[in-house]
Amino acid sequence: MSQRLPKTAQKAPSLESGDEWASLIWDLGGVELLTIYVAPSYTVNMEHDYIHEQHSVHLVIYHIIWCPKRRRKVLVGPVHDRLKQLIEDVVDENGWQIIQLAIQPDHVHLLLRSNPYTLPTDIARVIKGRSSHHLRQEYPHLLKMPSLWTRSTFYSTAGNVSSEIIQHYIEKQSTE
């Protein structure tokens, strides 16, 4: 014998982080009370303030990783220093903010705060394009490579993982 749930004309509740909501659930033997605690669906490092603009409020943080072609270890010495300067210049020109930058001999980690109007693919495209152009002009040994950067890029938002975990990962990569 199947039992039917009672028909109700209740509107679904609107819940927000920290709310409690009590609801009746149907158990085969009777009715029980269920309390639901709503937890936030994302983790935000509170050291980052939300940007309040005329029609939007946002906190957009990307973790972007890219590598030189064939993962060659060319990002050392003066190339490392010049790349850092070029990345900082592009970030400043576009109104973004570097949270952490780690340039390894064979890859670059960038934890960056952006805005909702800039695509993450555009961030990497602009940085990789400008840096490739200038570095290959200034350091002739880079012209031996077919291109400075691979076409591949890793993108992640900091919404699913806290900024501290990403920074810890970058620092760990720096020591290896």
Protein backbone atom coordinates (compact mmCIF):
# COMPACT_ATOMS: atom_id res chain seq x y z
CA MET A 1 0.00 0.00 0.00
CA SER A 2 1.40 3.31 -0.96
CA GLN A 3 0.67 6.31 1.21
CA ARG A 4 0.19 9.69 -0.35
CA LEU A 5 1.66 12.91 0.89
CA PRO A 6 -0.91 15.48 1.92
CA LYS A 7 -1.57 18.18 -0.64
CA THR A 8 -0.39 21.58 0.48
CA ALA A 9 -0.70 24.96 -1.06
CA GLN A 10 2.48 26.28 0.52
CA LYS A 11 4.86 28.44 -1.44
CA ALA A 12 8.48 27.26 -1.48
CA PRO A 13 10.47 29.16 1.14
CA SER A 14 13.14 31.67 0.23
CA LEU A 15 16.25 30.71 2.17
CA GLU A 16 19.52 32.49 2.66
CA SER A 17 22.82 31.60 4.30
CA GLY A 18 22.43 31.11 8.06
CA ASP A 19 18.63 30.65 7.92
CA GLU A 20 16.82 27.83 9.69
CA TRP A 21 13.71 26.34 8.22
CA ALA A 22 11.45 23.74 9.78
CA SER A 23 9.44 21.48 7.54
CA LEU A 24 7.30 18.44 7.95
CA ILE A 25 8.47 15.33 6.14
CA TRP A 26 6.40 12.23 5.55
CA ASP A 27 7.73 9.09 7.11
CA LEU A 28 6.06 5.77 6.37
CA GLY A 29 4.96 5.62 9.97
CA GLY A 30 3.93 9.22 10.44
CA VAL A 31 5.08 12.80 10.26
CA GLU A 32 8.43 14.06 11.56
CA LEU A 33 9.87 17.53 11.87
CA LEU A 34 12.95 18.30 9.78
CA THR A 35 15.04 21.37 10.42
CA ILE A 36 17.22 22.53 7.55
CA TYR A 37 20.26 24.70 8.14
CA VAL A 38 21.34 26.63 5.07
CA ALA A 39 25.08 26.92 4.60
CA PRO A 40 26.80 29.30 2.19
CA SER A 41 27.52 27.71 -1.18
CA TYR A 42 30.91 29.36 -1.60
CA THR A 43 33.90 30.42 0.44
CA VAL A 44 35.17 33.97 0.26
CA ASN A 45 38.30 35.21 1.93
CA MET A 46 37.08 38.24 3.86
CA GLU A 47 40.33 40.15 3.29
CA HIS A 48 38.94 40.84 -0.20
CA ASP A 49 36.26 43.50 -0.24
CA TYR A 50 33.38 43.41 -2.64
CA ILE A 51 33.39 46.10 -5.31
CA HIS A 52 30.20 48.16 -5.26
CA GLU A 53 29.46 49.75 -8.61
CA GLN A 54 26.42 51.63 -9.83
CA HIS A 55 24.44 48.52 -10.77
CA SER A 56 26.49 45.59 -9.48
CA VAL A 57 28.41 44.20 -6.56
CA HIS A 58 31.18 41.72 -7.31
CA LEU A 59 34.21 39.79 -6.14
CA VAL A 60 35.78 38.00 -9.11
CA ILE A 61 39.01 36.08 -8.50
CA TYR A 62 40.68 33.83 -11.07
CA HIS A 63 43.56 31.38 -10.76
CA ILE A 64 45.24 31.20 -14.18
CA ILE A 65 48.17 28.96 -15.14
CA TRP A 66 50.04 28.83 -18.46
CA CYS A 67 53.30 27.33 -19.72
CA PRO A 68 56.00 28.03 -22.31
CA LYS A 69 55.88 25.93 -25.46
CA ARG A 70 57.01 22.36 -24.79
CA ARG A 71 57.27 23.29 -21.11
CA ARG A 72 60.79 24.63 -21.63
CA LYS A 73 62.46 26.12 -18.58
CA VAL A 74 63.06 29.58 -20.09
CA LEU A 75 61.42 31.79 -17.42
CA VAL A 76 64.60 32.37 -15.43
CA GLY A 77 66.94 35.29 -14.71
CA PRO A 78 66.22 38.49 -16.64
CA VAL A 79 63.38 36.83 -18.59
CA HIS A 80 61.65 36.10 -15.25
CA ASP A 81 62.05 39.70 -14.08
CA ARG A 82 60.89 41.22 -17.37
CA LEU A 83 57.87 38.87 -17.53
CA LYS A 84 56.86 39.93 -14.03
CA GLN A 85 57.09 43.58 -15.05
CA LEU A 86 55.05 42.99 -18.23
CA ILE A 87 52.31 41.14 -16.33
CA GLU A 88 52.13 43.92 -13.73
CA ASP A 89 51.88 46.53 -16.51
CA VAL A 90 48.99 44.72 -18.25
CA VAL A 91 47.18 44.21 -14.95
CA ASP A 92 47.51 47.90 -14.02
CA GLU A 93 46.35 49.07 -17.46
CA ASN A 94 43.18 46.98 -17.20
CA GLY A 95 42.30 47.82 -13.60
CA TRP A 96 42.81 44.27 -12.34
CA GLN A 97 44.67 43.40 -9.13
CA ILE A 98 47.35 40.76 -8.63
CA ILE A 99 46.75 38.79 -5.45
CA GLN A 100 49.69 36.48 -6.06
CA LEU A 101 52.07 35.91 -8.96
CA ALA A 102 54.50 32.98 -9.06
CA ILE A 103 56.73 32.58 -12.09
CA GLN A 104 58.37 29.16 -12.21
CA PRO A 105 61.03 28.22 -14.81
CA ASP A 106 58.41 26.29 -16.81
CA HIS A 107 55.02 27.80 -15.88
CA VAL A 108 53.24 30.86 -14.48
CA HIS A 109 50.64 30.96 -11.67
CA LEU A 110 48.53 34.10 -11.47
CA LEU A 111 45.89 34.65 -8.78
CA LEU A 112 44.11 37.76 -9.97
CA ARG A 113 41.13 39.88 -9.06
CA SER A 114 39.15 41.00 -12.07
CA ASN A 115 35.72 42.43 -12.83
CA PRO A 116 32.59 40.79 -14.21
CA TYR A 117 33.03 42.52 -17.57
CA THR A 118 36.33 40.83 -18.49
CA LEU A 119 36.41 37.26 -19.72
CA PRO A 120 39.07 35.10 -18.07
CA THR A 121 40.20 34.02 -21.55
CA ASP A 122 40.82 37.67 -22.42
CA ILE A 123 43.02 38.09 -19.35
CA ALA A 124 45.34 35.26 -20.38
CA ARG A 125 45.21 36.28 -24.07
CA VAL A 126 46.27 39.86 -23.38
CA ILE A 127 49.04 38.90 -20.94
CA LYS A 128 50.41 36.08 -23.10
CA GLY A 129 50.26 38.19 -26.28
CA ARG A 130 52.00 41.23 -24.86
CA SER A 131 54.63 39.24 -22.98
CA SER A 132 55.41 37.02 -25.98
CA HIS A 133 55.85 40.03 -28.27
CA HIS A 134 58.16 41.93 -25.93
CA LEU A 135 60.15 38.99 -24.54
CA ARG A 136 60.91 37.59 -28.01
CA GLN A 137 62.05 41.05 -29.18
CA GLU A 138 64.28 41.59 -26.13
CA TYR A 139 65.72 38.07 -25.74
CA PRO A 140 66.81 36.56 -29.08
CA HIS A 141 67.24 33.02 -27.65
CA LEU A 142 63.43 32.88 -27.31
CA LEU A 143 63.09 33.27 -31.10
CA LYS A 144 64.37 29.69 -31.48
CA MET A 145 61.04 28.48 -30.08
CA PRO A 146 58.13 28.27 -32.55
CA SER A 147 56.09 30.37 -30.09
CA LEU A 148 56.73 31.40 -26.51
CA TRP A 149 53.49 30.11 -24.97
CA THR A 150 51.37 27.02 -25.48
CA ARG A 151 47.77 27.55 -26.55
CA SER A 152 46.66 25.77 -23.37
CA THR A 153 45.70 27.69 -20.25
CA PHE A 154 44.22 26.56 -16.93
CA TYR A 155 41.41 28.70 -15.47
CA SER A 156 39.76 28.35 -12.08
CA THR A 157 37.60 30.62 -10.01
CA ALA A 158 38.36 31.06 -6.34
CA GLY A 159 34.69 30.47 -5.45
CA ASN A 160 35.00 26.72 -4.93
CA VAL A 161 38.35 26.85 -3.15
CA SER A 162 39.45 29.48 -0.66
CA SER A 163 42.15 31.95 -1.64
CA GLU A 164 44.35 30.60 1.18
CA ILE A 165 44.33 27.12 -0.34
CA ILE A 166 45.32 28.48 -3.76
CA GLN A 167 48.08 30.62 -2.22
CA HIS A 168 49.34 27.58 -0.28
CA TYR A 169 49.39 25.56 -3.51
CA ILE A 170 51.34 28.31 -5.32
CA GLU A 171 53.83 28.59 -2.47
CA LYS A 172 54.26 24.78 -2.45
CA GLN A 173 54.88 24.81 -6.22
CA SER A 174 57.53 27.53 -5.70
CA THR A 175 59.56 25.30 -3.34
CA GLU A 176 59.54 22.24 -5.62
